[in-house]
Amino acid sequence: MFILTAVMDLLRTSKNALVRKSCIEVIPTMFRYFKQFRQDPDLTDNAIREILEFIKTPNNKDRGTGFISLGELAR
């Protein structure tokens, strides 16, 4: 559970675009392999909200990463 919360905290608090992009990219993998992530609807909702915020960020060149992550979560 520590890894899940650490990645979500990094995504929420980091100002570095590369760190945020990396967190967005790893969320679908965590969802796939960590049973706790799939079973906790709050974690899933927070992850989707954070991905949407990443996509909405003005002048974000990496928006495509967010769309890909959302698509992978939907599978």
PDB file of N, CA and C in Angstrom:
ATOM      1  N   MET A   1       0.818  -1.200   0.000  1.00  0.00           N
ATOM      2  CA  MET A   1       0.000   0.000   0.000  1.00  0.00           C
ATOM      3  C   MET A   1       0.856   1.256   0.000  1.00  0.00           C
ATOM      4  N   PHE A   2       2.067   1.138   0.550  1.00  0.00           N
ATOM      5  CA  PHE A   2       2.948   2.293   0.624  1.00  0.00           C
ATOM      6  C   PHE A   2       3.309   2.817  -0.760  1.00  0.00           C
ATOM      7  N   ILE A   3       3.557   1.918  -1.700  1.00  0.00           N
ATOM      8  CA  ILE A   3       3.923   2.333  -3.057  1.00  0.00           C
ATOM      9  C   ILE A   3       2.784   3.110  -3.695  1.00  0.00           C
ATOM     10  N   LEU A   4       1.584   2.631  -3.517  1.00  0.00           N
ATOM     11  CA  LEU A   4       0.422   3.309  -4.106  1.00  0.00           C
ATOM     12  C   LEU A   4       0.286   4.730  -3.586  1.00  0.00           C
ATOM     13  N   THR A   5       0.357   4.890  -2.287  1.00  0.00           N
ATOM     14  CA  THR A   5       0.197   6.229  -1.716  1.00  0.00           C
ATOM     15  C   THR A   5       1.378   7.129  -2.059  1.00  0.00           C
ATOM     16  N   ALA A   6       2.578   6.564  -2.155  1.00  0.00           N
ATOM     17  CA  ALA A   6       3.750   7.366  -2.503  1.00  0.00           C
ATOM     18  C   ALA A   6       3.643   7.904  -3.925  1.00  0.00           C
ATOM     19  N   VAL A   7       3.213   7.073  -4.858  1.00  0.00           N
ATOM     20  CA  VAL A   7       3.063   7.527  -6.245  1.00  0.00           C
ATOM     21  C   VAL A   7       1.967   8.579  -6.342  1.00  0.00           C
ATOM     22  N   MET A   8       0.857   8.363  -5.671  1.00  0.00           N
ATOM     23  CA  MET A   8      -0.236   9.335  -5.719  1.00  0.00           C
ATOM     24  C   MET A   8       0.183  10.654  -5.077  1.00  0.00           C
ATOM     25  N   ASP A   9       0.954  10.599  -3.984  1.00  0.00           N
ATOM     26  CA  ASP A   9       1.445  11.826  -3.349  1.00  0.00           C
ATOM     27  C   ASP A   9       2.415  12.566  -4.262  1.00  0.00           C
ATOM     28  N   LEU A  10       3.301  11.826  -4.916  1.00  0.00           N
ATOM     29  CA  LEU A  10       4.220  12.457  -5.864  1.00  0.00           C
ATOM     30  C   LEU A  10       3.464  13.135  -7.000  1.00  0.00           C
ATOM     31  N   LEU A  11       2.465  12.469  -7.491  1.00  0.00           N
ATOM     32  CA  LEU A  11       1.659  13.032  -8.584  1.00  0.00           C
ATOM     33  C   LEU A  11       0.981  14.315  -8.140  1.00  0.00           C
ATOM     34  N   ARG A  12       0.472  14.327  -6.931  1.00  0.00           N
ATOM     35  CA  ARG A  12      -0.251  15.477  -6.409  1.00  0.00           C
ATOM     36  C   ARG A  12       0.670  16.654  -6.077  1.00  0.00           C
ATOM     37  N   THR A  13       1.873  16.373  -5.559  1.00  0.00           N
ATOM     38  CA  THR A  13       2.699  17.442  -5.001  1.00  0.00           C
ATOM     39  C   THR A  13       3.870  17.877  -5.868  1.00  0.00           C
ATOM     40  N   SER A  14       4.290  17.059  -6.797  1.00  0.00           N
ATOM     41  CA  SER A  14       5.494  17.381  -7.562  1.00  0.00           C
ATOM     42  C   SER A  14       5.242  18.504  -8.563  1.00  0.00           C
ATOM     43  N   LYS A  15       6.215  19.370  -8.702  1.00  0.00           N
ATOM     44  CA  LYS A  15       6.164  20.443  -9.698  1.00  0.00           C
ATOM     45  C   LYS A  15       6.905  20.044 -10.966  1.00  0.00           C
ATOM     46  N   ASN A  16       7.697  18.982 -10.889  1.00  0.00           N
ATOM     47  CA  ASN A  16       8.490  18.522 -12.015  1.00  0.00           C
ATOM     48  C   ASN A  16       7.597  17.776 -13.007  1.00  0.00           C
ATOM     49  N   ALA A  17       7.594  18.217 -14.256  1.00  0.00           N
ATOM     50  CA  ALA A  17       6.728  17.623 -15.273  1.00  0.00           C
ATOM     51  C   ALA A  17       7.099  16.174 -15.558  1.00  0.00           C
ATOM     52  N   LEU A  18       8.380  15.851 -15.547  1.00  0.00           N
ATOM     53  CA  LEU A  18       8.803  14.478 -15.823  1.00  0.00           C
ATOM     54  C   LEU A  18       8.339  13.523 -14.725  1.00  0.00           C
ATOM     55  N   VAL A  19       8.380  13.962 -13.490  1.00  0.00           N
ATOM     56  CA  VAL A  19       7.925  13.131 -12.365  1.00  0.00           C
ATOM     57  C   VAL A  19       6.423  12.894 -12.485  1.00  0.00           C
ATOM     58  N   ARG A  20       5.683  13.951 -12.766  1.00  0.00           N
ATOM     59  CA  ARG A  20       4.224  13.808 -12.902  1.00  0.00           C
ATOM     60  C   ARG A  20       3.879  12.885 -14.069  1.00  0.00           C
ATOM     61  N   LYS A  21       4.575  13.031 -15.192  1.00  0.00           N
ATOM     62  CA  LYS A  21       4.327  12.176 -16.355  1.00  0.00           C
ATOM     63  C   LYS A  21       4.621  10.714 -16.024  1.00  0.00           C
ATOM     64  N   SER A  22       5.711  10.475 -15.317  1.00  0.00           N
ATOM     65  CA  SER A  22       6.069   9.109 -14.935  1.00  0.00           C
ATOM     66  C   SER A  22       5.023   8.495 -14.013  1.00  0.00           C
ATOM     67  N   CYS A  23       4.501   9.290 -13.088  1.00  0.00           N
ATOM     68  CA  CYS A  23       3.442   8.803 -12.196  1.00  0.00           C
ATOM     69  C   CYS A  23       2.189   8.458 -12.993  1.00  0.00           C
ATOM     70  N   ILE A  24       1.841   9.305 -13.948  1.00  0.00           N
ATOM     71  CA  ILE A  24       0.671   9.046 -14.797  1.00  0.00           C
ATOM     72  C   ILE A  24       0.865   7.747 -15.573  1.00  0.00           C
ATOM     73  N   GLU A  25       2.075   7.529 -16.074  1.00  0.00           N
ATOM     74  CA  GLU A  25       2.337   6.320 -16.854  1.00  0.00           C
ATOM     75  C   GLU A  25       2.271   5.048 -16.022  1.00  0.00           C
ATOM     76  N   VAL A  26       2.624   5.117 -14.734  1.00  0.00           N
ATOM     77  CA  VAL A  26       2.698   3.917 -13.909  1.00  0.00           C
ATOM     78  C   VAL A  26       1.340   3.560 -13.268  1.00  0.00           C
ATOM     79  N   ILE A  27       0.411   4.468 -13.241  1.00  0.00           N
ATOM     80  CA  ILE A  27      -0.891   4.206 -12.605  1.00  0.00           C
ATOM     81  C   ILE A  27      -1.607   2.993 -13.213  1.00  0.00           C
ATOM     82  N   PRO A  28      -1.711   2.869 -14.549  1.00  0.00           N
ATOM     83  CA  PRO A  28      -2.398   1.679 -15.073  1.00  0.00           C
ATOM     84  C   PRO A  28      -1.702   0.362 -14.700  1.00  0.00           C
ATOM     85  N   THR A  29      -0.384   0.377 -14.626  1.00  0.00           N
ATOM     86  CA  THR A  29       0.346  -0.824 -14.225  1.00  0.00           C
ATOM     87  C   THR A  29       0.042  -1.174 -12.775  1.00  0.00           C
ATOM     88  N   MET A  30       0.014  -0.172 -11.914  1.00  0.00           N
ATOM     89  CA  MET A  30      -0.321  -0.420 -10.512  1.00  0.00           C
ATOM     90  C   MET A  30      -1.744  -0.947 -10.401  1.00  0.00           C
ATOM     91  N   PHE A  31      -2.641  -0.394 -11.179  1.00  0.00           N
ATOM     92  CA  PHE A  31      -4.033  -0.837 -11.150  1.00  0.00           C
ATOM     93  C   PHE A  31      -4.133  -2.302 -11.557  1.00  0.00           C
ATOM     94  N   ARG A  32      -3.341  -2.682 -12.540  1.00  0.00           N
ATOM     95  CA  ARG A  32      -3.386  -4.050 -13.047  1.00  0.00           C
ATOM     96  C   ARG A  32      -2.808  -5.050 -12.047  1.00  0.00           C
ATOM     97  N   TYR A  33      -1.724  -4.691 -11.354  1.00  0.00           N
ATOM     98  CA  TYR A  33      -1.004  -5.670 -10.546  1.00  0.00           C
ATOM     99  C   TYR A  33      -1.215  -5.568  -9.044  1.00  0.00           C
ATOM    100  N   PHE A  34      -1.726  -4.448  -8.543  1.00  0.00           N
ATOM    101  CA  PHE A  34      -1.964  -4.315  -7.104  1.00  0.00           C
ATOM    102  C   PHE A  34      -3.445  -4.489  -6.810  1.00  0.00           C
ATOM    103  N   LYS A  35      -3.754  -5.593  -6.164  1.00  0.00           N
ATOM    104  CA  LYS A  35      -5.148  -5.904  -5.853  1.00  0.00           C
ATOM    105  C   LYS A  35      -5.784  -4.820  -4.982  1.00  0.00           C
ATOM    106  N   GLN A  36      -5.006  -4.229  -4.060  1.00  0.00           N
ATOM    107  CA  GLN A  36      -5.529  -3.199  -3.164  1.00  0.00           C
ATOM    108  C   GLN A  36      -6.013  -1.978  -3.956  1.00  0.00           C
ATOM    109  N   PHE A  37      -5.323  -1.674  -5.034  1.00  0.00           N
ATOM    110  CA  PHE A  37      -5.675  -0.517  -5.851  1.00  0.00           C
ATOM    111  C   PHE A  37      -7.032  -0.728  -6.519  1.00  0.00           C
ATOM    112  N   ARG A  38      -7.260  -1.936  -7.020  1.00  0.00           N
ATOM    113  CA  ARG A  38      -8.540  -2.237  -7.681  1.00  0.00           C
ATOM    114  C   ARG A  38      -9.685  -2.315  -6.682  1.00  0.00           C
ATOM    115  N   GLN A  39      -9.392  -2.767  -5.458  1.00  0.00           N
ATOM    116  CA  GLN A  39     -10.447  -2.974  -4.474  1.00  0.00           C
ATOM    117  C   GLN A  39     -10.841  -1.706  -3.736  1.00  0.00           C
ATOM    118  N   ASP A  40     -10.019  -0.684  -3.767  1.00  0.00           N
ATOM    119  CA  ASP A  40     -10.312   0.554  -3.049  1.00  0.00           C
ATOM    120  C   ASP A  40     -10.849   1.597  -4.029  1.00  0.00           C
ATOM    121  N   PRO A  41     -12.160   1.824  -4.016  1.00  0.00           N
ATOM    122  CA  PRO A  41     -12.731   2.777  -4.980  1.00  0.00           C
ATOM    123  C   PRO A  41     -12.220   4.207  -4.787  1.00  0.00           C
ATOM    124  N   ASP A  42     -11.837   4.566  -3.569  1.00  0.00           N
ATOM    125  CA  ASP A  42     -11.309   5.913  -3.343  1.00  0.00           C
ATOM    126  C   ASP A  42      -9.976   6.110  -4.060  1.00  0.00           C
ATOM    127  N   LEU A  43      -9.101   5.114  -4.005  1.00  0.00           N
ATOM    128  CA  LEU A  43      -7.825   5.208  -4.711  1.00  0.00           C
ATOM    129  C   LEU A  43      -8.037   5.306  -6.219  1.00  0.00           C
ATOM    130  N   THR A  44      -8.951   4.501  -6.721  1.00  0.00           N
ATOM    131  CA  THR A  44      -9.239   4.533  -8.154  1.00  0.00           C
ATOM    132  C   THR A  44      -9.812   5.882  -8.559  1.00  0.00           C
ATOM    133  N   ASP A  45     -10.757   6.400  -7.798  1.00  0.00           N
ATOM    134  CA  ASP A  45     -11.339   7.713  -8.097  1.00  0.00           C
ATOM    135  C   ASP A  45     -10.289   8.810  -8.048  1.00  0.00           C
ATOM    136  N   ASN A  46      -9.425   8.772  -7.039  1.00  0.00           N
ATOM    137  CA  ASN A  46      -8.372   9.778  -6.930  1.00  0.00           C
ATOM    138  C   ASN A  46      -7.409   9.694  -8.104  1.00  0.00           C
ATOM    139  N   ALA A  47      -7.068   8.483  -8.527  1.00  0.00           N
ATOM    140  CA  ALA A  47      -6.162   8.312  -9.659  1.00  0.00           C
ATOM    141  C   ALA A  47      -6.780   8.896 -10.933  1.00  0.00           C
ATOM    142  N   ILE A  48      -8.046   8.620 -11.156  1.00  0.00           N
ATOM    143  CA  ILE A  48      -8.715   9.142 -12.351  1.00  0.00           C
ATOM    144  C   ILE A  48      -8.801  10.660 -12.293  1.00  0.00           C
ATOM    145  N   ARG A  49      -9.114  11.205 -11.125  1.00  0.00           N
ATOM    146  CA  ARG A  49      -9.153  12.674 -10.971  1.00  0.00           C
ATOM    147  C   ARG A  49      -7.799  13.311 -11.254  1.00  0.00           C
ATOM    148  N   GLU A  50      -6.741  12.697 -10.738  1.00  0.00           N
ATOM    149  CA  GLU A  50      -5.397  13.239 -10.953  1.00  0.00           C
ATOM    150  C   GLU A  50      -5.004  13.166 -12.430  1.00  0.00           C
ATOM    151  N   ILE A  51      -5.371  12.086 -13.102  1.00  0.00           N
ATOM    152  CA  ILE A  51      -5.083  11.978 -14.532  1.00  0.00           C
ATOM    153  C   ILE A  51      -5.838  13.054 -15.297  1.00  0.00           C
ATOM    154  N   LEU A  52      -7.097  13.279 -14.948  1.00  0.00           N
ATOM    155  CA  LEU A  52      -7.881  14.321 -15.621  1.00  0.00           C
ATOM    156  C   LEU A  52      -7.297  15.709 -15.374  1.00  0.00           C
ATOM    157  N   GLU A  53      -6.820  15.961 -14.156  1.00  0.00           N
ATOM    158  CA  GLU A  53      -6.168  17.245 -13.865  1.00  0.00           C
ATOM    159  C   GLU A  53      -4.894  17.398 -14.689  1.00  0.00           C
ATOM    160  N   PHE A  54      -4.164  16.313 -14.859  1.00  0.00           N
ATOM    161  CA  PHE A  54      -2.959  16.337 -15.674  1.00  0.00           C
ATOM    162  C   PHE A  54      -3.300  16.689 -17.119  1.00  0.00           C
ATOM    163  N   ILE A  55      -4.385  16.126 -17.621  1.00  0.00           N
ATOM    164  CA  ILE A  55      -4.809  16.407 -18.995  1.00  0.00           C
ATOM    165  C   ILE A  55      -5.253  17.854 -19.141  1.00  0.00           C
ATOM    166  N   LYS A  56      -5.948  18.403 -18.133  1.00  0.00           N
ATOM    167  CA  LYS A  56      -6.477  19.765 -18.200  1.00  0.00           C
ATOM    168  C   LYS A  56      -5.416  20.849 -18.027  1.00  0.00           C
ATOM    169  N   THR A  57      -4.219  20.477 -17.573  1.00  0.00           N
ATOM    170  CA  THR A  57      -3.175  21.462 -17.317  1.00  0.00           C
ATOM    171  C   THR A  57      -2.875  22.252 -18.593  1.00  0.00           C
ATOM    172  N   PRO A  58      -2.939  23.589 -18.525  1.00  0.00           N
ATOM    173  CA  PRO A  58      -2.668  24.400 -19.715  1.00  0.00           C
ATOM    174  C   PRO A  58      -1.225  24.220 -20.200  1.00  0.00           C
ATOM    175  N   ASN A  59      -1.060  24.266 -21.486  1.00  0.00           N
ATOM    176  CA  ASN A  59       0.255  24.159 -22.132  1.00  0.00           C
ATOM    177  C   ASN A  59       0.984  22.865 -21.788  1.00  0.00           C
ATOM    178  N   ASN A  60       0.245  21.804 -21.564  1.00  0.00           N
ATOM    179  CA  ASN A  60       0.833  20.514 -21.227  1.00  0.00           C
ATOM    180  C   ASN A  60       1.105  19.747 -22.521  1.00  0.00           C
ATOM    181  N   LYS A  61       2.382  19.553 -22.831  1.00  0.00           N
ATOM    182  CA  LYS A  61       2.756  18.823 -24.045  1.00  0.00           C
ATOM    183  C   LYS A  61       2.540  17.323 -23.888  1.00  0.00           C
ATOM    184  N   ASP A  62       2.423  16.849 -22.667  1.00  0.00           N
ATOM    185  CA  ASP A  62       2.313  15.415 -22.401  1.00  0.00           C
ATOM    186  C   ASP A  62       0.881  14.960 -22.139  1.00  0.00           C
ATOM    187  N   ARG A  63      -0.089  15.697 -22.644  1.00  0.00           N
ATOM    188  CA  ARG A  63      -1.503  15.339 -22.420  1.00  0.00           C
ATOM    189  C   ARG A  63      -1.815  13.951 -22.952  1.00  0.00           C
ATOM    190  N   GLY A  64      -1.154  13.567 -24.032  1.00  0.00           N
ATOM    191  CA  GLY A  64      -1.395  12.256 -24.633  1.00  0.00           C
ATOM    192  C   GLY A  64      -1.129  11.121 -23.662  1.00  0.00           C
ATOM    193  N   THR A  65      -0.154  11.298 -22.810  1.00  0.00           N
ATOM    194  CA  THR A  65       0.154  10.292 -21.791  1.00  0.00           C
ATOM    195  C   THR A  65      -1.045  10.077 -20.876  1.00  0.00           C
ATOM    196  N   GLY A  66      -1.715  11.163 -20.516  1.00  0.00           N
ATOM    197  CA  GLY A  66      -2.905  11.068 -19.678  1.00  0.00           C
ATOM    198  C   GLY A  66      -4.029  10.317 -20.365  1.00  0.00           C
ATOM    199  N   PHE A  67      -4.232  10.612 -21.662  1.00  0.00           N
ATOM    200  CA  PHE A  67      -5.275   9.914 -22.411  1.00  0.00           C
ATOM    201  C   PHE A  67      -4.972   8.423 -22.535  1.00  0.00           C
ATOM    202  N   ILE A  68      -3.714   8.093 -22.760  1.00  0.00           N
ATOM    203  CA  ILE A  68      -3.322   6.686 -22.852  1.00  0.00           C
ATOM    204  C   ILE A  68      -3.552   5.983 -21.516  1.00  0.00           C
ATOM    205  N   SER A  69      -3.199   6.624 -20.425  1.00  0.00           N
ATOM    206  CA  SER A  69      -3.398   6.029 -19.106  1.00  0.00           C
ATOM    207  C   SER A  69      -4.872   5.802 -18.801  1.00  0.00           C
ATOM    208  N   LEU A  70      -5.701   6.776 -19.159  1.00  0.00           N
ATOM    209  CA  LEU A  70      -7.145   6.591 -18.951  1.00  0.00           C
ATOM    210  C   LEU A  70      -7.671   5.413 -19.780  1.00  0.00           C
ATOM    211  N   GLY A  71      -7.197   5.306 -21.008  1.00  0.00           N
ATOM    212  CA  GLY A  71      -7.613   4.187 -21.862  1.00  0.00           C
ATOM    213  C   GLY A  71      -7.193   2.846 -21.294  1.00  0.00           C
ATOM    214  N   GLU A  72      -5.985   2.782 -20.753  1.00  0.00           N
ATOM    215  CA  GLU A  72      -5.509   1.536 -20.160  1.00  0.00           C
ATOM    216  C   GLU A  72      -6.283   1.179 -18.893  1.00  0.00           C
ATOM    217  N   LEU A  73      -6.694   2.194 -18.143  1.00  0.00           N
ATOM    218  CA  LEU A  73      -7.513   1.929 -16.950  1.00  0.00           C
ATOM    219  C   LEU A  73      -8.887   1.400 -17.335  1.00  0.00           C
ATOM    220  N   ALA A  74      -9.387   1.839 -18.475  1.00  0.00           N
ATOM    221  CA  ALA A  74     -10.717   1.425 -18.910  1.00  0.00           C
ATOM    222  C   ALA A  74     -10.758  -0.021 -19.405  1.00  0.00           C
ATOM    223  N   ARG A  75      -9.605  -0.582 -19.732  1.00  0.00           N
ATOM    224  CA  ARG A  75      -9.579  -1.964 -20.249  1.00  0.00           C
ATOM    225  C   ARG A  75     -10.002  -2.958 -19.232  1.00  0.00           C
TER     226      ARG A  75
END
